[in-house]
Structure formats: structure tokens, C-alpha cells
Amino acid sequence: MDYTATQKPNMRLRTSLVDGSEGSQLFEDTSGAASGPQTGYSNQQAGPQAAGFPGQSILSDPMSNLAMAYGSSLASQGREMVDKNLDRFIPISKLKYYFAVDTVYVGKKLGLLVFPYMHENWEVSYQQDTPVAPRFDVNAPDLYIPAMGFITYILVAGLALGTQNKFSPELLGVQASSAFVWLIMEVLAVLLSLYLVTVNTDLTTIDLLAFSGYKYVGMIVGVVAGLLFGRPAYYLSLLWCCVAIFVFMIRTLRLKLLSEAAAEGRLVRGAKNQLRMYLTMSIAAAQPIFMYWLTYHLIR
């Protein structure tokens, strides 16, 4: 009897039943239901530990740490270089001294600029070889009054141009730029004169900028008086302020420019000291000229 023929269909039937059971399951297998959530929970717990933070691998890398340290050192060196070069041309740390003022100082300084005849002590006070802040000494130079005076002068000039029906933003810009250029040229001319005369003084560029900017106070007084009371009031008030600023500059700068000769006990009649005296008078005499040049066209 041939069994191979009868076994082959049975084997095919069993194979088809097995394949059918794998393809479409009739009953749901719940034997692994209890272990399923536990496996997922364990995978969730192990997930963050296995994955880690995004920058953890970078921070743990020695080469990355070395690169970060090298980058921070380069940044600090660059910052120091910028601060050093910036302080060479614009001494920002020193500018804080020139703006250390208060209301009392501003009031006294304005009175000194308008009426300097009764003031006796013109020496700057020092504390441990360092000049005290302007708010503690009315003789100390500051940049607050020159800066505010320059801005106020531009505003008053715009008002004066408006009364003449000549106001325009372009003309006001020309007025501001011309005043600023004349100020810079004045300071540069004084620095060149000090270099040519070889004067060893403690005057700095900021000091000269401050002293040259004090003339805006008299210019404002003259223009306002002219706007309120006419051209005669302008000339009288400007003449008074010109004489006042001349006396102020003479009494202030002579202590700065002649301090070396006074410290060495030399006579002021020497040739070099006479040049210093002429330089002091020239700087003081230039202030009224600039005051008139920058204001005469504002009053009609």
C-alpha cells in the first residue's frame, strides 16, 4: 500500500493550518499582557539614562572642554585688548570724574563763569595726589556744563533762526557742526601750541575741552538777551560775558601753565615763561572771538 500519497495531503493540510493560525489569530494571547507594561516602564526608565542629554557627550569630551577653555581665554584677551586701546584714545574711566557734579556745583560754577571777579582761591583741591571730584571743588573742570551748554546753544540758535523765518533742519545741522568743528580746532591748536612751547603741565585734552566749552554759557546769555530785548541787550550781555570768560581763563590757566615754573622757583620774566604767559593770554583772548563769531548772525 502506498503511504506516501496519503501522507502528503495530510502534511499539506497541517502546514496550511499552521500558516493560517500565524496569519490570523483566532484568540488573543494574554499570557504576555502583564509583562508588557512592565517592559515598557522599564524601557521608559532606561531611555533617558541610555540616551542622555544632547550636550552631555560634548561636555564629557576632553577635546571639547579644551576648545571651550581656549575660546574663553581668547575672548578675555580680546576684551582686554579692546578696553586698553579704547582707553588710550577715549579714557572712559576718566570721563566719570568730569561728570561727577551736583546741583550745588552747577549753580556755583555758572555764577563763577558769569561773575569771576570776587573769587579768590583758584587752585584745584587734591586728595592723595588725586584731584577731588568737581562736586566737591568749584575750581575743578567738568564736562557736564560744556555738554549741556553746547546742546542748549544749538536749541537757542534754532529758536533764533525761527524768529527770522530761516529755520530748517539742514541749517540747524550746519550750525551744530560748525560749532563743533571750531571747538575741535581750538583744542587742537592749543595742544599744538603747548607742544611747540614745550610746556610740562598736568592739563589733559579733556581739561582743554572743558575749558573751551565754558564759553557756551556766555553765548547763551547773549543770544537770549538779544531775543528778549533786542540787539543792544545782545551786545551788552555778550560784552559782559566775554570779559568774564577772559578773566576766568586767565586765572585758571595761569596756575596750570605756570605751575612748573612756580614749583621750580624760577622767575616769570624768563623767555620761556613769557611764552607761557602769552599762550595763556592767547587762549583767553580767543574765547570772546569765538563767542561773537558763533552768535552775531543769530540776532537781527
C-alpha atoms as a PDB file:
ATOM      1  CA  MET A   1       0.000   0.000   0.000  1.00  0.00           C
ATOM      2  CA  ASP A   2       1.398   3.367  -0.976  1.00  0.00           C
ATOM      3  CA  TYR A   3       1.564   5.617   2.127  1.00  0.00           C
ATOM      4  CA  THR A   4       3.391   8.488   0.503  1.00  0.00           C
ATOM      5  CA  ALA A   5       0.371   9.577  -1.440  1.00  0.00           C
ATOM      6  CA  THR A   6      -1.836   9.643   1.630  1.00  0.00           C
ATOM      7  CA  GLN A   7       0.751  11.417   3.877  1.00  0.00           C
ATOM      8  CA  LYS A   8       1.453  14.279   1.529  1.00  0.00           C
ATOM      9  CA  PRO A   9      -2.101  15.708   1.612  1.00  0.00           C
ATOM     10  CA  ASN A  10      -2.122  15.429   5.392  1.00  0.00           C
ATOM     11  CA  MET A  11       1.159  17.233   5.638  1.00  0.00           C
ATOM     12  CA  ARG A  12      -0.114  19.942   3.337  1.00  0.00           C
ATOM     13  CA  LEU A  13      -3.257  20.317   5.415  1.00  0.00           C
ATOM     14  CA  ARG A  14      -1.296  20.661   8.642  1.00  0.00           C
ATOM     15  CA  THR A  15       1.041  23.183   7.048  1.00  0.00           C
ATOM     16  CA  SER A  16      -1.858  25.252   5.841  1.00  0.00           C
ATOM     17  CA  LEU A  17      -3.468  25.151   9.304  1.00  0.00           C
ATOM     18  CA  VAL A  18      -0.254  26.320  10.917  1.00  0.00           C
ATOM     19  CA  ASP A  19       0.176  29.109   8.389  1.00  0.00           C
ATOM     20  CA  GLY A  20      -3.398  30.144   8.868  1.00  0.00           C
ATOM     21  CA  SER A  21      -3.027  30.284  12.629  1.00  0.00           C
ATOM     22  CA  GLU A  22       0.030  32.542  12.249  1.00  0.00           C
ATOM     23  CA  GLY A  23      -1.613  34.831   9.735  1.00  0.00           C
ATOM     24  CA  SER A  24      -4.963  35.334  11.531  1.00  0.00           C
ATOM     25  CA  GLN A  25      -5.075  34.584  15.246  1.00  0.00           C
ATOM     26  CA  LEU A  26      -8.459  33.460  16.449  1.00  0.00           C
ATOM     27  CA  PHE A  27      -7.889  34.101  20.162  1.00  0.00           C
ATOM     28  CA  GLU A  28      -5.924  36.905  21.778  1.00  0.00           C
ATOM     29  CA  ASP A  29      -2.861  35.753  23.652  1.00  0.00           C
ATOM     30  CA  THR A  30      -2.993  37.340  27.141  1.00  0.00           C
ATOM     31  CA  SER A  31      -0.085  35.500  28.590  1.00  0.00           C
ATOM     32  CA  GLY A  32       2.264  38.420  27.980  1.00  0.00           C
ATOM     33  CA  ALA A  33      -0.207  41.186  28.965  1.00  0.00           C
ATOM     34  CA  ALA A  34       1.101  41.502  32.498  1.00  0.00           C
ATOM     35  CA  SER A  35       4.693  41.633  31.423  1.00  0.00           C
ATOM     36  CA  GLY A  36       4.055  44.146  28.618  1.00  0.00           C
ATOM     37  CA  PRO A  37       3.581  47.344  30.702  1.00  0.00           C
ATOM     38  CA  GLN A  38       6.434  46.397  32.975  1.00  0.00           C
ATOM     39  CA  THR A  39       8.694  46.017  29.983  1.00  0.00           C
ATOM     40  CA  GLY A  40       7.580  49.400  28.609  1.00  0.00           C
ATOM     41  CA  TYR A  41       8.004  51.042  32.004  1.00  0.00           C
ATOM     42  CA  SER A  42      11.496  49.639  32.315  1.00  0.00           C
ATOM     43  CA  ASN A  43      12.277  50.861  28.837  1.00  0.00           C
ATOM     44  CA  GLN A  44      10.994  54.338  29.766  1.00  0.00           C
ATOM     45  CA  GLN A  45      13.210  54.391  32.843  1.00  0.00           C
ATOM     46  CA  ALA A  46      16.229  53.239  30.916  1.00  0.00           C
ATOM     47  CA  GLY A  47      15.524  55.516  27.975  1.00  0.00           C
ATOM     48  CA  PRO A  48      16.803  58.866  29.362  1.00  0.00           C
ATOM     49  CA  GLN A  49      19.771  57.182  31.007  1.00  0.00           C
ATOM     50  CA  ALA A  50      20.685  55.440  27.798  1.00  0.00           C
ATOM     51  CA  ALA A  51      20.044  58.441  25.554  1.00  0.00           C
ATOM     52  CA  GLY A  52      21.458  61.156  27.860  1.00  0.00           C
ATOM     53  CA  PHE A  53      21.188  64.912  27.362  1.00  0.00           C
ATOM     54  CA  PRO A  54      22.076  66.398  23.958  1.00  0.00           C
ATOM     55  CA  GLY A  55      25.210  68.214  25.230  1.00  0.00           C
ATOM     56  CA  GLN A  56      26.315  65.509  27.661  1.00  0.00           C
ATOM     57  CA  SER A  57      28.539  63.786  25.142  1.00  0.00           C
ATOM     58  CA  ILE A  58      30.031  67.151  24.123  1.00  0.00           C
ATOM     59  CA  LEU A  59      30.747  68.240  27.696  1.00  0.00           C
ATOM     60  CA  SER A  60      32.271  64.905  28.558  1.00  0.00           C
ATOM     61  CA  ASP A  61      34.631  65.109  25.609  1.00  0.00           C
ATOM     62  CA  PRO A  62      38.113  66.340  26.740  1.00  0.00           C
ATOM     63  CA  MET A  63      38.777  67.973  23.395  1.00  0.00           C
ATOM     64  CA  SER A  64      35.539  69.960  23.681  1.00  0.00           C
ATOM     65  CA  ASN A  65      36.477  71.156  27.163  1.00  0.00           C
ATOM     66  CA  LEU A  66      39.891  72.192  25.910  1.00  0.00           C
ATOM     67  CA  ALA A  67      38.337  74.078  22.985  1.00  0.00           C
ATOM     68  CA  MET A  68      35.895  75.878  25.302  1.00  0.00           C
ATOM     69  CA  ALA A  69      38.696  76.900  27.661  1.00  0.00           C
ATOM     70  CA  TYR A  70      40.798  78.130  24.766  1.00  0.00           C
ATOM     71  CA  GLY A  71      37.850  80.093  23.353  1.00  0.00           C
ATOM     72  CA  SER A  72      37.108  81.756  26.694  1.00  0.00           C
ATOM     73  CA  SER A  73      40.772  82.728  27.087  1.00  0.00           C
ATOM     74  CA  LEU A  74      40.784  84.254  23.600  1.00  0.00           C
ATOM     75  CA  ALA A  75      37.599  86.175  24.404  1.00  0.00           C
ATOM     76  CA  SER A  76      39.065  87.567  27.632  1.00  0.00           C
ATOM     77  CA  GLN A  77      42.278  88.584  25.869  1.00  0.00           C
ATOM     78  CA  GLY A  78      40.310  90.293  23.114  1.00  0.00           C
ATOM     79  CA  ARG A  79      38.193  92.149  25.661  1.00  0.00           C
ATOM     80  CA  GLU A  80      41.290  93.366  27.484  1.00  0.00           C
ATOM     81  CA  MET A  81      42.886  94.479  24.204  1.00  0.00           C
ATOM     82  CA  VAL A  82      39.765  96.413  23.166  1.00  0.00           C
ATOM     83  CA  ASP A  83      39.471  98.084  26.565  1.00  0.00           C
ATOM     84  CA  LYS A  84      43.153  99.026  26.525  1.00  0.00           C
ATOM     85  CA  ASN A  85      43.095 100.514  23.030  1.00  0.00           C
ATOM     86  CA  LEU A  86      39.782 102.250  23.641  1.00  0.00           C
ATOM     87  CA  ASP A  87      41.023 103.762  26.874  1.00  0.00           C
ATOM     88  CA  ARG A  88      44.084 105.051  25.035  1.00  0.00           C
ATOM     89  CA  PHE A  89      42.005 107.262  22.748  1.00  0.00           C
ATOM     90  CA  ILE A  90      38.826 107.693  24.810  1.00  0.00           C
ATOM     91  CA  PRO A  91      39.574 107.403  28.533  1.00  0.00           C
ATOM     92  CA  ILE A  92      36.132 106.252  29.549  1.00  0.00           C
ATOM     93  CA  SER A  93      37.229 105.620  33.135  1.00  0.00           C
ATOM     94  CA  LYS A  94      38.354 109.236  33.426  1.00  0.00           C
ATOM     95  CA  LEU A  95      35.178 110.637  31.911  1.00  0.00           C
ATOM     96  CA  LYS A  96      33.247 109.633  35.019  1.00  0.00           C
ATOM     97  CA  TYR A  97      35.304 112.131  37.008  1.00  0.00           C
ATOM     98  CA  TYR A  98      34.257 115.031  34.764  1.00  0.00           C
ATOM     99  CA  PHE A  99      30.564 114.242  35.136  1.00  0.00           C
ATOM    100  CA  ALA A 100      30.631 113.832  38.933  1.00  0.00           C
ATOM    101  CA  VAL A 101      28.638 117.014  39.575  1.00  0.00           C
ATOM    102  CA  ASP A 102      25.561 118.010  41.533  1.00  0.00           C
ATOM    103  CA  THR A 103      23.104 120.894  41.550  1.00  0.00           C
ATOM    104  CA  VAL A 104      25.123 122.958  44.023  1.00  0.00           C
ATOM    105  CA  TYR A 105      28.267 122.686  41.933  1.00  0.00           C
ATOM    106  CA  VAL A 106      26.445 123.622  38.719  1.00  0.00           C
ATOM    107  CA  GLY A 107      24.938 126.706  40.354  1.00  0.00           C
ATOM    108  CA  LYS A 108      28.269 127.860  41.773  1.00  0.00           C
ATOM    109  CA  LYS A 109      30.112 127.183  38.530  1.00  0.00           C
ATOM    110  CA  LEU A 110      27.619 129.137  36.458  1.00  0.00           C
ATOM    111  CA  GLY A 111      27.909 132.053  38.861  1.00  0.00           C
ATOM    112  CA  LEU A 112      31.704 131.846  38.630  1.00  0.00           C
ATOM    113  CA  LEU A 113      31.593 131.886  34.830  1.00  0.00           C
ATOM    114  CA  VAL A 114      29.361 134.967  34.768  1.00  0.00           C
ATOM    115  CA  PHE A 115      30.939 136.839  37.681  1.00  0.00           C
ATOM    116  CA  PRO A 116      34.501 135.626  38.428  1.00  0.00           C
ATOM    117  CA  TYR A 117      35.799 138.859  39.926  1.00  0.00           C
ATOM    118  CA  MET A 118      35.170 138.133  43.599  1.00  0.00           C
ATOM    119  CA  HIS A 119      36.581 134.604  43.594  1.00  0.00           C
ATOM    120  CA  GLU A 120      39.956 134.376  45.342  1.00  0.00           C
ATOM    121  CA  ASN A 121      41.142 130.769  45.564  1.00  0.00           C
ATOM    122  CA  TRP A 122      41.526 129.276  42.082  1.00  0.00           C
ATOM    123  CA  GLU A 123      43.591 126.205  42.970  1.00  0.00           C
ATOM    124  CA  VAL A 124      42.146 122.732  42.499  1.00  0.00           C
ATOM    125  CA  SER A 125      41.945 120.669  45.667  1.00  0.00           C
ATOM    126  CA  TYR A 126      43.761 117.330  45.803  1.00  0.00           C
ATOM    127  CA  GLN A 127      43.330 114.241  47.915  1.00  0.00           C
ATOM    128  CA  GLN A 128      46.282 111.822  47.916  1.00  0.00           C
ATOM    129  CA  ASP A 129      47.726 113.246  44.688  1.00  0.00           C
ATOM    130  CA  THR A 130      44.330 112.931  43.010  1.00  0.00           C
ATOM    131  CA  PRO A 131      42.043 115.883  42.262  1.00  0.00           C
ATOM    132  CA  VAL A 132      38.761 115.739  44.092  1.00  0.00           C
ATOM    133  CA  ALA A 133      35.514 115.353  42.197  1.00  0.00           C
ATOM    134  CA  PRO A 134      34.000 118.528  40.744  1.00  0.00           C
ATOM    135  CA  ARG A 135      31.047 118.392  43.122  1.00  0.00           C
ATOM    136  CA  PHE A 136      33.471 118.954  45.993  1.00  0.00           C
ATOM    137  CA  ASP A 137      35.527 121.716  44.333  1.00  0.00           C
ATOM    138  CA  VAL A 138      34.153 124.523  42.195  1.00  0.00           C
ATOM    139  CA  ASN A 139      37.586 125.049  40.604  1.00  0.00           C
ATOM    140  CA  ALA A 140      37.707 121.541  39.135  1.00  0.00           C
ATOM    141  CA  PRO A 141      36.918 121.284  35.422  1.00  0.00           C
ATOM    142  CA  ASP A 142      33.867 119.332  34.320  1.00  0.00           C
ATOM    143  CA  LEU A 143      32.222 118.271  31.096  1.00  0.00           C
ATOM    144  CA  TYR A 144      28.621 118.493  32.233  1.00  0.00           C
ATOM    145  CA  ILE A 145      28.301 122.268  31.819  1.00  0.00           C
ATOM    146  CA  PRO A 146      30.108 122.329  28.427  1.00  0.00           C
ATOM    147  CA  ALA A 147      27.995 119.454  27.097  1.00  0.00           C
ATOM    148  CA  MET A 148      24.716 120.930  28.294  1.00  0.00           C
ATOM    149  CA  GLY A 149      25.839 124.366  27.153  1.00  0.00           C
ATOM    150  CA  PHE A 150      26.561 123.088  23.650  1.00  0.00           C
ATOM    151  CA  ILE A 151      23.151 121.419  23.383  1.00  0.00           C
ATOM    152  CA  THR A 152      21.370 124.471  24.783  1.00  0.00           C
ATOM    153  CA  TYR A 153      23.251 126.725  22.382  1.00  0.00           C
ATOM    154  CA  ILE A 154      22.022 124.639  19.434  1.00  0.00           C
ATOM    155  CA  LEU A 155      18.438 124.841  20.704  1.00  0.00           C
ATOM    156  CA  VAL A 156      18.650 128.605  21.256  1.00  0.00           C
ATOM    157  CA  ALA A 157      20.197 129.008  17.804  1.00  0.00           C
ATOM    158  CA  GLY A 158      17.255 127.126  16.313  1.00  0.00           C
ATOM    159  CA  LEU A 159      14.870 129.421  18.180  1.00  0.00           C
ATOM    160  CA  ALA A 160      16.710 132.491  16.901  1.00  0.00           C
ATOM    161  CA  LEU A 161      16.628 131.187  13.345  1.00  0.00           C
ATOM    162  CA  GLY A 162      12.920 130.531  13.733  1.00  0.00           C
ATOM    163  CA  THR A 163      12.286 134.145  14.694  1.00  0.00           C
ATOM    164  CA  GLN A 164      13.972 135.155  11.427  1.00  0.00           C
ATOM    165  CA  ASN A 165      11.920 132.641   9.388  1.00  0.00           C
ATOM    166  CA  LYS A 166      15.140 130.881   8.451  1.00  0.00           C
ATOM    167  CA  PHE A 167      14.772 127.702  10.450  1.00  0.00           C
ATOM    168  CA  SER A 168      15.395 124.379   8.739  1.00  0.00           C
ATOM    169  CA  PRO A 169      16.851 121.101   9.951  1.00  0.00           C
ATOM    170  CA  GLU A 170      19.699 121.419   7.488  1.00  0.00           C
ATOM    171  CA  LEU A 171      20.617 124.902   8.669  1.00  0.00           C
ATOM    172  CA  LEU A 172      20.440 123.795  12.291  1.00  0.00           C
ATOM    173  CA  GLY A 173      22.740 120.886  11.470  1.00  0.00           C
ATOM    174  CA  VAL A 174      25.189 123.260   9.815  1.00  0.00           C
ATOM    175  CA  GLN A 175      25.096 125.441  12.919  1.00  0.00           C
ATOM    176  CA  ALA A 176      25.824 122.486  15.217  1.00  0.00           C
ATOM    177  CA  SER A 177      28.559 121.015  13.032  1.00  0.00           C
ATOM    178  CA  SER A 178      30.315 124.354  12.596  1.00  0.00           C
ATOM    179  CA  ALA A 179      30.311 124.993  16.350  1.00  0.00           C
ATOM    180  CA  PHE A 180      31.681 121.509  16.994  1.00  0.00           C
ATOM    181  CA  VAL A 181      34.384 121.838  14.333  1.00  0.00           C
ATOM    182  CA  TRP A 182      35.520 125.196  15.728  1.00  0.00           C
ATOM    183  CA  LEU A 183      35.714 123.636  19.193  1.00  0.00           C
ATOM    184  CA  ILE A 184      37.871 120.757  17.986  1.00  0.00           C
ATOM    185  CA  MET A 185      40.120 123.089  16.022  1.00  0.00           C
ATOM    186  CA  GLU A 186      40.571 125.272  19.076  1.00  0.00           C
ATOM    187  CA  VAL A 187      41.582 122.330  21.256  1.00  0.00           C
ATOM    188  CA  LEU A 188      43.994 121.028  18.611  1.00  0.00           C
ATOM    189  CA  ALA A 189      45.552 124.473  18.227  1.00  0.00           C
ATOM    190  CA  VAL A 190      46.113 124.704  21.988  1.00  0.00           C
ATOM    191  CA  LEU A 191      47.663 121.238  22.071  1.00  0.00           C
ATOM    192  CA  LEU A 192      49.993 122.160  19.220  1.00  0.00           C
ATOM    193  CA  SER A 193      50.974 125.390  20.977  1.00  0.00           C
ATOM    194  CA  LEU A 194      51.725 123.539  24.202  1.00  0.00           C
ATOM    195  CA  TYR A 195      53.889 121.111  22.261  1.00  0.00           C
ATOM    196  CA  LEU A 196      55.801 123.861  20.486  1.00  0.00           C
ATOM    197  CA  VAL A 197      56.383 125.834  23.674  1.00  0.00           C
ATOM    198  CA  THR A 198      57.347 122.560  25.456  1.00  0.00           C
ATOM    199  CA  VAL A 199      55.156 123.169  28.467  1.00  0.00           C
ATOM    200  CA  ASN A 200      55.062 120.368  31.016  1.00  0.00           C
ATOM    201  CA  THR A 201      51.634 120.722  32.525  1.00  0.00           C
ATOM    202  CA  ASP A 202      49.012 118.490  34.047  1.00  0.00           C
ATOM    203  CA  LEU A 203      46.416 119.774  31.603  1.00  0.00           C
ATOM    204  CA  THR A 204      44.841 116.957  29.637  1.00  0.00           C
ATOM    205  CA  THR A 205      42.901 117.058  26.408  1.00  0.00           C
ATOM    206  CA  ILE A 206      39.665 116.672  28.340  1.00  0.00           C
ATOM    207  CA  ASP A 207      40.618 119.633  30.539  1.00  0.00           C
ATOM    208  CA  LEU A 208      41.138 121.794  27.473  1.00  0.00           C
ATOM    209  CA  LEU A 209      37.839 120.593  26.054  1.00  0.00           C
ATOM    210  CA  ALA A 210      36.111 121.540  29.288  1.00  0.00           C
ATOM    211  CA  PHE A 211      37.687 124.996  29.500  1.00  0.00           C
ATOM    212  CA  SER A 212      36.933 125.686  25.830  1.00  0.00           C
ATOM    213  CA  GLY A 213      33.311 124.606  26.323  1.00  0.00           C
ATOM    214  CA  TYR A 214      32.615 127.070  29.132  1.00  0.00           C
ATOM    215  CA  LYS A 215      32.168 129.875  26.609  1.00  0.00           C
ATOM    216  CA  TYR A 216      28.791 128.449  25.560  1.00  0.00           C
ATOM    217  CA  VAL A 217      27.327 129.791  28.802  1.00  0.00           C
ATOM    218  CA  GLY A 218      28.096 133.383  27.808  1.00  0.00           C
ATOM    219  CA  MET A 219      26.923 132.732  24.252  1.00  0.00           C
ATOM    220  CA  ILE A 220      23.558 131.514  25.523  1.00  0.00           C
ATOM    221  CA  VAL A 221      23.183 134.543  27.778  1.00  0.00           C
ATOM    222  CA  GLY A 222      23.958 136.911  24.915  1.00  0.00           C
ATOM    223  CA  VAL A 223      21.582 135.280  22.411  1.00  0.00           C
ATOM    224  CA  VAL A 224      18.709 135.035  24.909  1.00  0.00           C
ATOM    225  CA  ALA A 225      19.174 138.675  25.908  1.00  0.00           C
ATOM    226  CA  GLY A 226      19.155 139.644  22.233  1.00  0.00           C
ATOM    227  CA  LEU A 227      15.978 137.697  21.560  1.00  0.00           C
ATOM    228  CA  LEU A 228      14.198 139.258  24.515  1.00  0.00           C
ATOM    229  CA  PHE A 229      15.428 142.845  24.443  1.00  0.00           C
ATOM    230  CA  GLY A 230      16.965 143.392  21.028  1.00  0.00           C
ATOM    231  CA  ARG A 231      20.412 143.901  19.591  1.00  0.00           C
ATOM    232  CA  PRO A 232      21.689 146.438  22.224  1.00  0.00           C
ATOM    233  CA  ALA A 233      20.990 143.942  25.006  1.00  0.00           C
ATOM    234  CA  TYR A 234      22.831 141.293  22.993  1.00  0.00           C
ATOM    235  CA  TYR A 235      25.968 143.423  22.704  1.00  0.00           C
ATOM    236  CA  LEU A 236      25.937 144.472  26.358  1.00  0.00           C
ATOM    237  CA  SER A 237      25.369 140.986  27.741  1.00  0.00           C
ATOM    238  CA  LEU A 238      27.854 139.415  25.344  1.00  0.00           C
ATOM    239  CA  LEU A 239      30.476 142.036  26.248  1.00  0.00           C
ATOM    240  CA  TRP A 240      29.992 141.279  29.930  1.00  0.00           C
ATOM    241  CA  CYS A 241      30.279 137.527  29.373  1.00  0.00           C
ATOM    242  CA  CYS A 242      33.349 137.969  27.144  1.00  0.00           C
ATOM    243  CA  VAL A 243      35.187 139.895  29.842  1.00  0.00           C
ATOM    244  CA  ALA A 244      34.080 137.360  32.445  1.00  0.00           C
ATOM    245  CA  ILE A 245      35.315 134.358  30.461  1.00  0.00           C
ATOM    246  CA  PHE A 246      38.592 136.162  29.717  1.00  0.00           C
ATOM    247  CA  VAL A 247      39.223 136.714  33.443  1.00  0.00           C
ATOM    248  CA  PHE A 248      38.142 133.162  34.233  1.00  0.00           C
ATOM    249  CA  MET A 249      40.523 131.628  31.689  1.00  0.00           C
ATOM    250  CA  ILE A 250      43.465 133.815  32.752  1.00  0.00           C
ATOM    251  CA  ARG A 251      43.103 132.968  36.424  1.00  0.00           C
ATOM    252  CA  THR A 252      42.532 129.291  35.776  1.00  0.00           C
ATOM    253  CA  LEU A 253      45.127 128.551  33.110  1.00  0.00           C
ATOM    254  CA  ARG A 254      47.958 130.514  34.679  1.00  0.00           C
ATOM    255  CA  LEU A 255      48.028 128.020  37.547  1.00  0.00           C
ATOM    256  CA  LYS A 256      48.163 125.169  35.029  1.00  0.00           C
ATOM    257  CA  LEU A 257      50.670 126.561  32.551  1.00  0.00           C
ATOM    258  CA  LEU A 258      52.933 128.302  35.059  1.00  0.00           C
ATOM    259  CA  SER A 259      52.790 125.597  37.719  1.00  0.00           C
ATOM    260  CA  GLU A 260      56.130 124.108  36.634  1.00  0.00           C
ATOM    261  CA  ALA A 261      57.930 127.456  36.900  1.00  0.00           C
ATOM    262  CA  ALA A 262      56.328 128.186  40.238  1.00  0.00           C
ATOM    263  CA  ALA A 263      57.307 124.771  41.565  1.00  0.00           C
ATOM    264  CA  GLU A 264      60.925 125.242  40.482  1.00  0.00           C
ATOM    265  CA  GLY A 265      61.064 128.793  41.896  1.00  0.00           C
ATOM    266  CA  ARG A 266      62.034 130.424  38.615  1.00  0.00           C
ATOM    267  CA  LEU A 267      61.215 133.995  37.719  1.00  0.00           C
ATOM    268  CA  VAL A 268      58.267 134.603  35.461  1.00  0.00           C
ATOM    269  CA  ARG A 269      60.323 137.127  33.497  1.00  0.00           C
ATOM    270  CA  GLY A 270      62.274 134.403  31.703  1.00  0.00           C
ATOM    271  CA  ALA A 271      61.849 133.993  27.965  1.00  0.00           C
ATOM    272  CA  LYS A 272      60.202 130.592  28.270  1.00  0.00           C
ATOM    273  CA  ASN A 273      57.837 131.774  30.966  1.00  0.00           C
ATOM    274  CA  GLN A 274      56.900 134.791  28.873  1.00  0.00           C
ATOM    275  CA  LEU A 275      55.904 132.433  26.072  1.00  0.00           C
ATOM    276  CA  ARG A 276      53.707 130.580  28.528  1.00  0.00           C
ATOM    277  CA  MET A 277      52.145 133.830  29.643  1.00  0.00           C
ATOM    278  CA  TYR A 278      51.492 134.852  26.043  1.00  0.00           C
ATOM    279  CA  LEU A 279      49.990 131.450  25.375  1.00  0.00           C
ATOM    280  CA  THR A 280      47.685 131.809  28.367  1.00  0.00           C
ATOM    281  CA  MET A 281      46.531 135.231  27.214  1.00  0.00           C
ATOM    282  CA  SER A 282      46.048 133.984  23.661  1.00  0.00           C
ATOM    283  CA  ILE A 283      43.825 131.127  24.795  1.00  0.00           C
ATOM    284  CA  ALA A 284      41.800 133.515  26.957  1.00  0.00           C
ATOM    285  CA  ALA A 285      41.526 136.117  24.173  1.00  0.00           C
ATOM    286  CA  ALA A 286      40.316 133.523  21.677  1.00  0.00           C
ATOM    287  CA  GLN A 287      37.181 132.834  23.717  1.00  0.00           C
ATOM    288  CA  PRO A 288      35.451 136.208  23.059  1.00  0.00           C
ATOM    289  CA  ILE A 289      36.294 135.934  19.359  1.00  0.00           C
ATOM    290  CA  PHE A 290      34.585 132.564  19.074  1.00  0.00           C
ATOM    291  CA  MET A 291      31.655 133.789  21.166  1.00  0.00           C
ATOM    292  CA  TYR A 292      30.982 136.650  18.788  1.00  0.00           C
ATOM    293  CA  TRP A 293      31.678 134.654  15.629  1.00  0.00           C
ATOM    294  CA  LEU A 294      29.159 131.951  16.524  1.00  0.00           C
ATOM    295  CA  THR A 295      26.339 134.256  17.673  1.00  0.00           C
ATOM    296  CA  TYR A 296      26.332 137.538  15.757  1.00  0.00           C
ATOM    297  CA  HIS A 297      24.284 136.168  12.842  1.00  0.00           C
ATOM    298  CA  LEU A 298      21.561 134.897  15.185  1.00  0.00           C
ATOM    299  CA  ILE A 299      20.411 138.371  16.192  1.00  0.00           C
ATOM    300  CA  ARG A 300      18.853 140.703  13.616  1.00  0.00           C
END
